[in-house]
Amino acid sequence: MENKLKRVLDQVTAEEELKNRTRKFLREERNRSGISPWRSLPRLIPAAACMVLLVVWGYWLYFVPTATISIDINPSLELELNRFDRVVGLRGYGDGEDLAQTLSVTHLDYDQAMEQIMQSQPIADLLAQDAVMTVGVIGRDNAQTARLLVSVEFHAAQQENTYCYQAHREEVEHAHELGMSYGKYYALLELETLGAEVTAEDVQNMTMGEIWDMKEQCKNHNAQSTSQDQCQTESEHQSHSGHSGENGHNGHGG
């Protein structure tokens, strides 16, 4: 009886020792094969750097504007487009600031954005009154601006008194410094070229219809001045020719 009890106790003891050895073995193996976070850090850095580069590159591709559509009728609006022709920004000038807050065009294709702007109540009311509107495509990528201009002209063809143009960004880079839209600044440059005595503040407070009328007046004035100069030049030439002829005739007669 005592021997049987001893064997049972020995078996229990052996099982406990086996369990303890097993636990110790597993603990040692886990410590030996386990990778410390600090030891794995060098391998994680390149992967993290790649992820950061992808995020930055993706942000740059999508959110950096490459072209602007300036819509000027007073109010003035500017759509900032990315290289995929998606709207990534909208800015209003003058009365356009309030209008810009009512529009939801961000991330839309520019065609959809143009339609929403044209159908907005303030713009639709002005167009119904035959107000003059200019739509300009401004950018550094000539291929993109040329492509956008074709579509913009399509929209403009459906409206009266709407005129389109294309400009390089460097031509109008000082517009925002003066608090003007690209379209208003482009009009200012045109007026200055025509010889109009006008300031940036004057143009900022004018409608595109008023600006257009001033441009026509300057063109007519320049045309009349040129015609008068030509008439005066021809008159002087004829007078000079007649005088020379008389001198020549008198000399021959002598």
C-alpha atoms as a PDB file:
ATOM      1  CA  MET A   1       0.000   0.000   0.000  1.00  0.00           C
ATOM      2  CA  GLU A   2       2.763   2.391   0.917  1.00  0.00           C
ATOM      3  CA  ASN A   3       4.641   1.577  -2.297  1.00  0.00           C
ATOM      4  CA  LYS A   4       1.576   2.270  -4.418  1.00  0.00           C
ATOM      5  CA  LEU A   5       1.038   5.633  -2.694  1.00  0.00           C
ATOM      6  CA  LYS A   6       4.706   6.551  -3.205  1.00  0.00           C
ATOM      7  CA  ARG A   7       4.464   5.784  -6.927  1.00  0.00           C
ATOM      8  CA  VAL A   8       1.393   7.988  -7.253  1.00  0.00           C
ATOM      9  CA  LEU A   9       3.112  10.864  -5.425  1.00  0.00           C
ATOM     10  CA  ASP A  10       6.235  10.462  -7.537  1.00  0.00           C
ATOM     11  CA  GLN A  11       4.111  10.590 -10.694  1.00  0.00           C
ATOM     12  CA  VAL A  12       2.418  13.786  -9.549  1.00  0.00           C
ATOM     13  CA  THR A  13       5.789  15.330  -8.718  1.00  0.00           C
ATOM     14  CA  ALA A  14       7.174  14.290 -12.095  1.00  0.00           C
ATOM     15  CA  GLU A  15       4.213  15.837 -13.902  1.00  0.00           C
ATOM     16  CA  GLU A  16       4.675  19.123 -12.056  1.00  0.00           C
ATOM     17  CA  GLU A  17       8.390  19.137 -12.875  1.00  0.00           C
ATOM     18  CA  LEU A  18       7.566  18.397 -16.539  1.00  0.00           C
ATOM     19  CA  LYS A  19       5.128  21.259 -16.612  1.00  0.00           C
ATOM     20  CA  ASN A  20       7.651  23.583 -15.032  1.00  0.00           C
ATOM     21  CA  ARG A  21      10.380  22.537 -17.489  1.00  0.00           C
ATOM     22  CA  THR A  22       7.967  22.959 -20.358  1.00  0.00           C
ATOM     23  CA  ARG A  23       7.000  26.444 -19.209  1.00  0.00           C
ATOM     24  CA  LYS A  24      10.665  27.362 -18.797  1.00  0.00           C
ATOM     25  CA  PHE A  25      11.504  26.012 -22.255  1.00  0.00           C
ATOM     26  CA  LEU A  26       8.686  27.891 -23.918  1.00  0.00           C
ATOM     27  CA  ARG A  27       9.592  31.092 -22.063  1.00  0.00           C
ATOM     28  CA  GLU A  28      13.229  30.837 -23.135  1.00  0.00           C
ATOM     29  CA  GLU A  29      12.287  30.105 -26.726  1.00  0.00           C
ATOM     30  CA  ARG A  30       9.925  33.056 -26.805  1.00  0.00           C
ATOM     31  CA  ASN A  31      12.564  35.381 -25.422  1.00  0.00           C
ATOM     32  CA  ARG A  32      15.161  34.022 -27.812  1.00  0.00           C
ATOM     33  CA  SER A  33      13.039  34.198 -30.967  1.00  0.00           C
ATOM     34  CA  GLY A  34      10.939  37.244 -30.072  1.00  0.00           C
ATOM     35  CA  ILE A  35      11.875  40.519 -31.897  1.00  0.00           C
ATOM     36  CA  SER A  36      12.098  43.633 -29.797  1.00  0.00           C
ATOM     37  CA  PRO A  37      10.327  46.718 -31.210  1.00  0.00           C
ATOM     38  CA  TRP A  38      13.621  48.603 -31.043  1.00  0.00           C
ATOM     39  CA  ARG A  39      15.390  45.838 -32.996  1.00  0.00           C
ATOM     40  CA  SER A  40      12.696  45.951 -35.715  1.00  0.00           C
ATOM     41  CA  LEU A  41      12.802  49.756 -36.025  1.00  0.00           C
ATOM     42  CA  PRO A  42      15.560  49.872 -38.700  1.00  0.00           C
ATOM     43  CA  ARG A  43      13.449  47.644 -40.935  1.00  0.00           C
ATOM     44  CA  LEU A  44      10.359  49.777 -40.409  1.00  0.00           C
ATOM     45  CA  ILE A  45      11.988  53.115 -41.268  1.00  0.00           C
ATOM     46  CA  PRO A  46      12.275  52.534 -45.067  1.00  0.00           C
ATOM     47  CA  ALA A  47       8.676  51.335 -45.259  1.00  0.00           C
ATOM     48  CA  ALA A  48       7.461  54.355 -43.276  1.00  0.00           C
ATOM     49  CA  ALA A  49       9.495  56.677 -45.485  1.00  0.00           C
ATOM     50  CA  CYS A  50       7.933  55.145 -48.598  1.00  0.00           C
ATOM     51  CA  MET A  51       4.468  55.645 -47.144  1.00  0.00           C
ATOM     52  CA  VAL A  52       5.221  59.312 -46.384  1.00  0.00           C
ATOM     53  CA  LEU A  53       6.545  59.857 -49.909  1.00  0.00           C
ATOM     54  CA  LEU A  54       3.450  58.272 -51.412  1.00  0.00           C
ATOM     55  CA  VAL A  55       1.177  60.484 -49.322  1.00  0.00           C
ATOM     56  CA  VAL A  56       3.117  63.656 -50.206  1.00  0.00           C
ATOM     57  CA  TRP A  57       3.310  62.733 -53.882  1.00  0.00           C
ATOM     58  CA  GLY A  58      -0.395  61.921 -54.000  1.00  0.00           C
ATOM     59  CA  TYR A  59      -1.235  65.198 -52.274  1.00  0.00           C
ATOM     60  CA  TRP A  60       0.933  67.121 -54.727  1.00  0.00           C
ATOM     61  CA  LEU A  61      -0.605  65.407 -57.746  1.00  0.00           C
ATOM     62  CA  TYR A  62      -4.170  66.058 -56.665  1.00  0.00           C
ATOM     63  CA  PHE A  63      -4.275  69.262 -54.650  1.00  0.00           C
ATOM     64  CA  VAL A  64      -1.670  71.498 -56.331  1.00  0.00           C
ATOM     65  CA  PRO A  65      -3.452  73.771 -58.878  1.00  0.00           C
ATOM     66  CA  THR A  66      -2.137  73.758 -62.442  1.00  0.00           C
ATOM     67  CA  ALA A  67      -4.778  75.965 -64.109  1.00  0.00           C
ATOM     68  CA  THR A  68      -7.352  78.609 -63.216  1.00  0.00           C
ATOM     69  CA  ILE A  69     -10.667  79.502 -64.803  1.00  0.00           C
ATOM     70  CA  SER A  70     -11.521  83.138 -64.071  1.00  0.00           C
ATOM     71  CA  ILE A  71     -15.217  83.988 -64.468  1.00  0.00           C
ATOM     72  CA  ASP A  72     -15.839  87.734 -64.368  1.00  0.00           C
ATOM     73  CA  ILE A  73     -19.154  89.495 -64.658  1.00  0.00           C
ATOM     74  CA  ASN A  74     -19.055  91.309 -61.312  1.00  0.00           C
ATOM     75  CA  PRO A  75     -19.126  89.174 -59.230  1.00  0.00           C
ATOM     76  CA  SER A  76     -15.829  87.485 -60.046  1.00  0.00           C
ATOM     77  CA  LEU A  77     -15.014  83.835 -59.334  1.00  0.00           C
ATOM     78  CA  GLU A  78     -11.916  81.728 -59.846  1.00  0.00           C
ATOM     79  CA  LEU A  79     -11.863  77.942 -60.119  1.00  0.00           C
ATOM     80  CA  GLU A  80      -8.520  76.340 -59.260  1.00  0.00           C
ATOM     81  CA  LEU A  81      -8.040  73.092 -61.187  1.00  0.00           C
ATOM     82  CA  ASN A  82      -5.549  70.271 -60.706  1.00  0.00           C
ATOM     83  CA  ARG A  83      -3.825  68.329 -63.479  1.00  0.00           C
ATOM     84  CA  PHE A  84      -6.853  66.034 -63.665  1.00  0.00           C
ATOM     85  CA  ASP A  85      -9.169  69.013 -64.399  1.00  0.00           C
ATOM     86  CA  ARG A  86     -10.824  68.645 -60.996  1.00  0.00           C
ATOM     87  CA  VAL A  87     -11.729  71.671 -58.885  1.00  0.00           C
ATOM     88  CA  VAL A  88      -9.457  71.930 -55.850  1.00  0.00           C
ATOM     89  CA  GLY A  89     -10.269  75.509 -54.912  1.00  0.00           C
ATOM     90  CA  LEU A  90     -12.840  78.268 -55.377  1.00  0.00           C
ATOM     91  CA  ARG A  91     -12.244  81.927 -54.656  1.00  0.00           C
ATOM     92  CA  GLY A  92     -14.531  84.937 -54.960  1.00  0.00           C
ATOM     93  CA  TYR A  93     -13.669  88.620 -55.417  1.00  0.00           C
ATOM     94  CA  GLY A  94     -15.906  91.534 -54.515  1.00  0.00           C
ATOM     95  CA  ASP A  95     -19.494  90.352 -54.522  1.00  0.00           C
ATOM     96  CA  GLY A  96     -18.153  86.961 -55.571  1.00  0.00           C
ATOM     97  CA  GLU A  97     -17.034  86.202 -52.017  1.00  0.00           C
ATOM     98  CA  ASP A  98     -20.624  85.693 -50.876  1.00  0.00           C
ATOM     99  CA  LEU A  99     -21.496  83.717 -54.005  1.00  0.00           C
ATOM    100  CA  ALA A 100     -18.497  81.405 -53.554  1.00  0.00           C
ATOM    101  CA  GLN A 101     -19.785  80.377 -50.124  1.00  0.00           C
ATOM    102  CA  THR A 102     -23.057  79.146 -51.628  1.00  0.00           C
ATOM    103  CA  LEU A 103     -21.429  76.909 -54.239  1.00  0.00           C
ATOM    104  CA  SER A 104     -20.296  73.295 -53.709  1.00  0.00           C
ATOM    105  CA  VAL A 105     -17.923  72.624 -56.564  1.00  0.00           C
ATOM    106  CA  THR A 106     -14.802  71.274 -54.852  1.00  0.00           C
ATOM    107  CA  HIS A 107     -13.646  67.935 -56.354  1.00  0.00           C
ATOM    108  CA  LEU A 108     -16.118  68.274 -59.239  1.00  0.00           C
ATOM    109  CA  ASP A 109     -15.025  68.054 -62.842  1.00  0.00           C
ATOM    110  CA  TYR A 110     -14.637  71.594 -64.216  1.00  0.00           C
ATOM    111  CA  ASP A 111     -17.534  71.065 -66.671  1.00  0.00           C
ATOM    112  CA  GLN A 112     -19.879  70.283 -63.790  1.00  0.00           C
ATOM    113  CA  ALA A 113     -18.528  73.234 -61.818  1.00  0.00           C
ATOM    114  CA  MET A 114     -19.060  75.612 -64.753  1.00  0.00           C
ATOM    115  CA  GLU A 115     -22.645  74.442 -65.162  1.00  0.00           C
ATOM    116  CA  GLN A 116     -23.361  74.979 -61.467  1.00  0.00           C
ATOM    117  CA  ILE A 117     -21.921  78.496 -61.593  1.00  0.00           C
ATOM    118  CA  MET A 118     -23.810  79.425 -64.763  1.00  0.00           C
ATOM    119  CA  GLN A 119     -27.056  78.176 -63.222  1.00  0.00           C
ATOM    120  CA  SER A 120     -26.557  79.959 -59.897  1.00  0.00           C
ATOM    121  CA  GLN A 121     -29.192  82.635 -59.355  1.00  0.00           C
ATOM    122  CA  PRO A 122     -26.935  85.734 -59.328  1.00  0.00           C
ATOM    123  CA  ILE A 123     -25.099  84.740 -62.517  1.00  0.00           C
ATOM    124  CA  ALA A 124     -28.236  83.532 -64.294  1.00  0.00           C
ATOM    125  CA  ASP A 125     -30.031  86.816 -63.489  1.00  0.00           C
ATOM    126  CA  LEU A 126     -27.148  88.912 -64.819  1.00  0.00           C
ATOM    127  CA  LEU A 127     -26.875  86.852 -68.004  1.00  0.00           C
ATOM    128  CA  ALA A 128     -30.625  87.203 -68.513  1.00  0.00           C
ATOM    129  CA  GLN A 129     -30.073  90.984 -68.451  1.00  0.00           C
ATOM    130  CA  ASP A 130     -27.414  90.664 -71.206  1.00  0.00           C
ATOM    131  CA  ALA A 131     -24.572  91.479 -68.837  1.00  0.00           C
ATOM    132  CA  VAL A 132     -21.088  91.054 -70.288  1.00  0.00           C
ATOM    133  CA  MET A 133     -19.090  88.121 -68.939  1.00  0.00           C
ATOM    134  CA  THR A 134     -15.526  87.067 -69.648  1.00  0.00           C
ATOM    135  CA  VAL A 135     -14.154  83.589 -68.991  1.00  0.00           C
ATOM    136  CA  GLY A 136     -10.407  83.169 -69.019  1.00  0.00           C
ATOM    137  CA  VAL A 137      -8.230  80.074 -68.795  1.00  0.00           C
ATOM    138  CA  ILE A 138      -4.915  80.808 -67.093  1.00  0.00           C
ATOM    139  CA  GLY A 139      -2.038  78.393 -66.547  1.00  0.00           C
ATOM    140  CA  ARG A 140       1.504  77.374 -67.378  1.00  0.00           C
ATOM    141  CA  ASP A 141       0.688  74.122 -69.171  1.00  0.00           C
ATOM    142  CA  ASN A 142      -0.285  75.245 -72.673  1.00  0.00           C
ATOM    143  CA  ALA A 143      -1.722  71.830 -73.520  1.00  0.00           C
ATOM    144  CA  GLN A 144      -4.055  71.862 -70.522  1.00  0.00           C
ATOM    145  CA  THR A 145      -5.151  75.487 -70.965  1.00  0.00           C
ATOM    146  CA  ALA A 146      -5.818  74.940 -74.676  1.00  0.00           C
ATOM    147  CA  ARG A 147      -7.941  71.887 -73.888  1.00  0.00           C
ATOM    148  CA  LEU A 148      -9.864  73.739 -71.194  1.00  0.00           C
ATOM    149  CA  LEU A 149     -10.420  76.717 -73.477  1.00  0.00           C
ATOM    150  CA  VAL A 150     -12.254  74.554 -76.016  1.00  0.00           C
ATOM    151  CA  SER A 151     -14.732  73.453 -73.359  1.00  0.00           C
ATOM    152  CA  VAL A 152     -15.071  76.951 -71.913  1.00  0.00           C
ATOM    153  CA  GLU A 153     -15.858  78.329 -75.361  1.00  0.00           C
ATOM    154  CA  PHE A 154     -18.581  75.705 -75.678  1.00  0.00           C
ATOM    155  CA  HIS A 155     -20.227  76.975 -72.491  1.00  0.00           C
ATOM    156  CA  ALA A 156     -19.773  80.594 -73.599  1.00  0.00           C
ATOM    157  CA  ALA A 157     -21.396  79.919 -76.975  1.00  0.00           C
ATOM    158  CA  GLN A 158     -24.639  79.186 -75.175  1.00  0.00           C
ATOM    159  CA  GLN A 159     -24.684  82.652 -73.576  1.00  0.00           C
ATOM    160  CA  GLU A 160     -24.965  86.147 -74.997  1.00  0.00           C
ATOM    161  CA  ASN A 161     -22.174  88.686 -74.458  1.00  0.00           C
ATOM    162  CA  THR A 162     -19.746  86.088 -73.131  1.00  0.00           C
ATOM    163  CA  TYR A 163     -16.123  86.249 -74.270  1.00  0.00           C
ATOM    164  CA  CYS A 164     -13.257  83.803 -73.700  1.00  0.00           C
ATOM    165  CA  TYR A 165      -9.506  84.204 -73.639  1.00  0.00           C
ATOM    166  CA  GLN A 166      -6.375  82.291 -72.715  1.00  0.00           C
ATOM    167  CA  ALA A 167      -3.450  83.699 -70.747  1.00  0.00           C
ATOM    168  CA  HIS A 168      -0.165  82.517 -69.296  1.00  0.00           C
ATOM    169  CA  ARG A 169       0.014  82.716 -65.512  1.00  0.00           C
ATOM    170  CA  GLU A 170       3.059  84.985 -65.649  1.00  0.00           C
ATOM    171  CA  GLU A 171       0.981  87.606 -67.468  1.00  0.00           C
ATOM    172  CA  VAL A 172      -1.378  88.003 -64.537  1.00  0.00           C
ATOM    173  CA  GLU A 173       0.786  86.927 -61.604  1.00  0.00           C
ATOM    174  CA  HIS A 174       0.356  90.301 -59.835  1.00  0.00           C
ATOM    175  CA  ALA A 175      -3.445  90.159 -59.897  1.00  0.00           C
ATOM    176  CA  HIS A 176      -3.923  88.688 -56.444  1.00  0.00           C
ATOM    177  CA  GLU A 177      -1.396  91.088 -54.946  1.00  0.00           C
ATOM    178  CA  LEU A 178      -3.780  93.865 -55.996  1.00  0.00           C
ATOM    179  CA  GLY A 179      -6.797  91.986 -54.659  1.00  0.00           C
ATOM    180  CA  MET A 180      -8.116  91.392 -58.178  1.00  0.00           C
ATOM    181  CA  SER A 181      -9.224  88.315 -60.058  1.00  0.00           C
ATOM    182  CA  TYR A 182      -7.137  87.266 -63.026  1.00  0.00           C
ATOM    183  CA  GLY A 183      -9.944  88.352 -65.347  1.00  0.00           C
ATOM    184  CA  LYS A 184     -10.198  91.869 -63.938  1.00  0.00           C
ATOM    185  CA  TYR A 185      -6.416  92.269 -63.983  1.00  0.00           C
ATOM    186  CA  TYR A 186      -6.241  91.027 -67.571  1.00  0.00           C
ATOM    187  CA  ALA A 187      -8.855  93.655 -68.483  1.00  0.00           C
ATOM    188  CA  LEU A 188      -6.752  96.322 -66.724  1.00  0.00           C
ATOM    189  CA  LEU A 189      -3.732  95.349 -68.827  1.00  0.00           C
ATOM    190  CA  GLU A 190      -5.821  95.591 -72.001  1.00  0.00           C
ATOM    191  CA  LEU A 191      -7.081  99.052 -71.053  1.00  0.00           C
ATOM    192  CA  GLU A 192      -3.568 100.243 -70.301  1.00  0.00           C
ATOM    193  CA  THR A 193      -2.404  98.927 -73.673  1.00  0.00           C
ATOM    194  CA  LEU A 194      -5.198 100.909 -75.342  1.00  0.00           C
ATOM    195  CA  GLY A 195      -4.020 104.050 -73.547  1.00  0.00           C
ATOM    196  CA  ALA A 196      -6.853 104.354 -71.022  1.00  0.00           C
ATOM    197  CA  GLU A 197      -6.123 106.374 -67.893  1.00  0.00           C
ATOM    198  CA  VAL A 198      -7.459 103.926 -65.351  1.00  0.00           C
ATOM    199  CA  THR A 199      -6.293 102.418 -62.070  1.00  0.00           C
ATOM    200  CA  ALA A 200      -6.611  98.957 -60.568  1.00  0.00           C
ATOM    201  CA  GLU A 201      -9.120 100.338 -58.051  1.00  0.00           C
ATOM    202  CA  ASP A 202     -11.217 101.771 -60.882  1.00  0.00           C
ATOM    203  CA  VAL A 203     -11.354  98.444 -62.682  1.00  0.00           C
ATOM    204  CA  GLN A 204     -12.061  96.549 -59.468  1.00  0.00           C
ATOM    205  CA  ASN A 205     -15.236  98.585 -58.936  1.00  0.00           C
ATOM    206  CA  MET A 206     -16.438  98.318 -62.538  1.00  0.00           C
ATOM    207  CA  THR A 207     -18.640  95.660 -64.085  1.00  0.00           C
ATOM    208  CA  MET A 208     -17.304  93.790 -67.078  1.00  0.00           C
ATOM    209  CA  GLY A 209     -19.902  95.606 -69.177  1.00  0.00           C
ATOM    210  CA  GLU A 210     -18.461  98.976 -68.129  1.00  0.00           C
ATOM    211  CA  ILE A 211     -14.945  97.734 -68.796  1.00  0.00           C
ATOM    212  CA  TRP A 212     -16.010  96.481 -72.212  1.00  0.00           C
ATOM    213  CA  ASP A 213     -17.569  99.854 -73.069  1.00  0.00           C
ATOM    214  CA  MET A 214     -14.368 101.624 -72.050  1.00  0.00           C
ATOM    215  CA  LYS A 215     -12.316  99.303 -74.243  1.00  0.00           C
ATOM    216  CA  GLU A 216     -14.567 100.064 -77.235  1.00  0.00           C
ATOM    217  CA  GLN A 217     -14.298 103.805 -76.584  1.00  0.00           C
ATOM    218  CA  CYS A 218     -10.511 103.564 -76.464  1.00  0.00           C
ATOM    219  CA  LYS A 219     -10.429 101.577 -79.692  1.00  0.00           C
ATOM    220  CA  ASN A 220     -12.675 104.087 -81.448  1.00  0.00           C
ATOM    221  CA  HIS A 221     -10.643 106.994 -80.129  1.00  0.00           C
ATOM    222  CA  ASN A 222      -7.411 105.362 -81.267  1.00  0.00           C
ATOM    223  CA  ALA A 223      -8.907 104.611 -84.678  1.00  0.00           C
ATOM    224  CA  GLN A 224     -10.031 108.240 -85.093  1.00  0.00           C
ATOM    225  CA  SER A 225      -6.643 109.520 -83.965  1.00  0.00           C
ATOM    226  CA  THR A 226      -4.914 107.224 -86.421  1.00  0.00           C
ATOM    227  CA  SER A 227      -7.250 108.374 -89.211  1.00  0.00           C
ATOM    228  CA  GLN A 228      -6.625 112.041 -88.403  1.00  0.00           C
ATOM    229  CA  ASP A 229      -2.878 111.454 -88.288  1.00  0.00           C
ATOM    230  CA  GLN A 230      -3.042 109.744 -91.671  1.00  0.00           C
ATOM    231  CA  CYS A 231      -5.078 112.608 -93.153  1.00  0.00           C
ATOM    232  CA  GLN A 232      -2.647 115.147 -91.737  1.00  0.00           C
ATOM    233  CA  THR A 233       0.319 113.187 -93.069  1.00  0.00           C
ATOM    234  CA  GLU A 234      -1.263 112.908 -96.531  1.00  0.00           C
ATOM    235  CA  SER A 235      -2.129 116.611 -96.542  1.00  0.00           C
ATOM    236  CA  GLU A 236       1.393 117.566 -95.581  1.00  0.00           C
ATOM    237  CA  HIS A 237       2.765 115.209 -98.204  1.00  0.00           C
ATOM    238  CA  GLN A 238       0.542 116.697-100.923  1.00  0.00           C
ATOM    239  CA  SER A 239       1.421 120.230 -99.877  1.00  0.00           C
ATOM    240  CA  HIS A 240       5.077 119.378 -99.883  1.00  0.00           C
ATOM    241  CA  SER A 241       4.829 117.690-103.297  1.00  0.00           C
ATOM    242  CA  GLY A 242       2.980 120.650-104.821  1.00  0.00           C
ATOM    243  CA  HIS A 243       5.490 123.112-103.429  1.00  0.00           C
ATOM    244  CA  SER A 244       8.376 121.064-104.784  1.00  0.00           C
ATOM    245  CA  GLY A 245       6.699 120.863-108.176  1.00  0.00           C
ATOM    246  CA  GLU A 246       6.338 124.644-108.393  1.00  0.00           C
ATOM    247  CA  ASN A 247       9.950 125.139-107.469  1.00  0.00           C
ATOM    248  CA  GLY A 248      11.012 122.663-110.060  1.00  0.00           C
ATOM    249  CA  HIS A 249       8.824 124.255-112.758  1.00  0.00           C
ATOM    250  CA  ASN A 250      10.172 127.758-111.994  1.00  0.00           C
ATOM    251  CA  GLY A 251      13.701 126.518-112.145  1.00  0.00           C
ATOM    252  CA  HIS A 252      13.095 124.884-115.506  1.00  0.00           C
ATOM    253  CA  GLY A 253      11.449 128.001-116.887  1.00  0.00           C
ATOM    254  CA  GLY A 254      14.423 130.085-115.871  1.00  0.00           C
END
